[in-house]
Protein backbone atom coordinates (compact mmCIF):
# COMPACT_ATOMS: atom_id res chain seq x y z
CA MET A 1 23.34 -204.76 15.54
CA ARG A 2 25.63 -207.66 16.49
CA LEU A 3 26.29 -206.11 19.87
CA ALA A 4 22.58 -205.64 20.51
CA ALA A 5 21.87 -209.25 19.48
CA GLY A 6 24.48 -210.59 21.89
CA ARG A 7 22.91 -208.90 24.92
CA GLY A 8 26.31 -208.94 26.61
CA HIS A 9 26.93 -212.60 25.83
CA LEU A 10 29.18 -214.39 23.36
CA LEU A 11 27.63 -214.15 19.91
CA ALA A 12 28.84 -217.03 17.76
CA VAL A 13 28.08 -216.53 14.08
CA GLY A 14 28.79 -218.84 11.16
CA ASN A 15 28.20 -222.38 10.04
CA ALA A 16 27.96 -225.34 12.39
CA ARG A 17 31.74 -225.94 12.35
CA ASP A 18 32.45 -222.26 13.13
CA ILE A 19 30.09 -222.26 16.09
CA ALA A 20 31.34 -225.60 17.45
CA ASP A 21 34.96 -224.41 17.11
CA THR A 22 34.18 -221.16 18.96
CA MET A 23 32.47 -223.04 21.77
CA GLN A 24 35.35 -225.53 21.99
CA GLN A 25 37.94 -222.72 22.16
CA TRP A 26 36.06 -221.00 24.98
CA PHE A 27 35.58 -224.27 26.86
CA GLU A 28 39.18 -225.48 26.51
CA GLY A 29 40.53 -222.01 27.28
CA GLY A 30 38.68 -221.96 30.59
CA ALA A 31 36.48 -219.05 29.54
CA ALA A 32 33.31 -221.13 29.96
CA ASP A 33 32.27 -224.28 31.76
CA GLY A 34 28.90 -224.42 30.03
CA PHE A 35 26.70 -222.59 27.57
CA ASN A 36 23.14 -221.30 27.36
CA VAL A 37 21.97 -221.42 23.78
CA MET A 38 19.75 -218.48 22.86
CA ALA A 39 18.47 -219.26 19.36
CA PRO A 40 17.13 -216.16 17.60
CA VAL A 41 14.34 -218.00 15.77
CA MET A 42 12.50 -220.71 17.68
CA PRO A 43 12.19 -223.59 17.17
CA ALA A 44 13.99 -223.73 13.80
CA ASP A 45 17.37 -222.34 14.91
CA LEU A 46 17.41 -224.45 18.06
CA GLN A 47 16.68 -227.55 15.97
CA SER A 48 19.52 -226.62 13.60
CA PHE A 49 21.85 -226.27 16.58
CA VAL A 50 20.85 -229.70 17.90
CA ASP A 51 21.12 -231.36 14.48
CA GLU A 52 24.31 -229.70 13.24
CA VAL A 53 26.39 -228.29 16.12
CA MET A 54 25.74 -230.82 18.89
CA PRO A 55 27.16 -233.80 16.94
CA LEU A 56 30.38 -231.84 16.40
CA LEU A 57 30.61 -230.98 20.10
CA GLU A 58 29.91 -234.58 21.07
CA ARG A 59 32.72 -235.84 18.83
CA SER A 60 35.16 -233.34 20.35
CA ASP A 61 34.05 -234.32 23.89
CA VAL A 62 33.13 -230.73 24.74
CA PHE A 63 29.51 -231.70 25.29
CA GLY A 64 30.35 -234.70 27.47
CA ALA A 65 27.68 -236.98 26.01
CA GLY A 66 26.53 -239.72 28.33
CA ARG A 67 27.92 -238.16 31.50
CA THR A 68 25.83 -236.80 34.30
CA LEU A 69 26.71 -233.67 36.24
CA ARG A 70 27.50 -235.93 39.22
CA GLN A 71 29.97 -237.94 37.09
CA ARG A 72 31.60 -234.81 35.66
CA TYR A 73 32.36 -233.52 39.17
CA GLY A 74 33.40 -236.93 40.49
CA LEU A 75 30.74 -236.95 43.17
CA PRO A 76 29.82 -240.24 44.84
CA ARG A 77 26.48 -241.81 44.16
CA LEU A 78 24.30 -241.66 47.27
């Protein structure tokens, strides 16, 4: 069932800290440069992710809060 739920993608399961840690490990290990969140129950699970996981990712600088894609890639402003 877990394999089917993942649809070939990383399936992070656990509490907010577990999920944030998994995402951070993948990001820092070079396995991912971004994530698409596929919440199983909308909108409740997506709201939980935003409320509980995102603050942890912002504190660890994985999310890159306040930076634009242009800034992240060091591109000049036109």
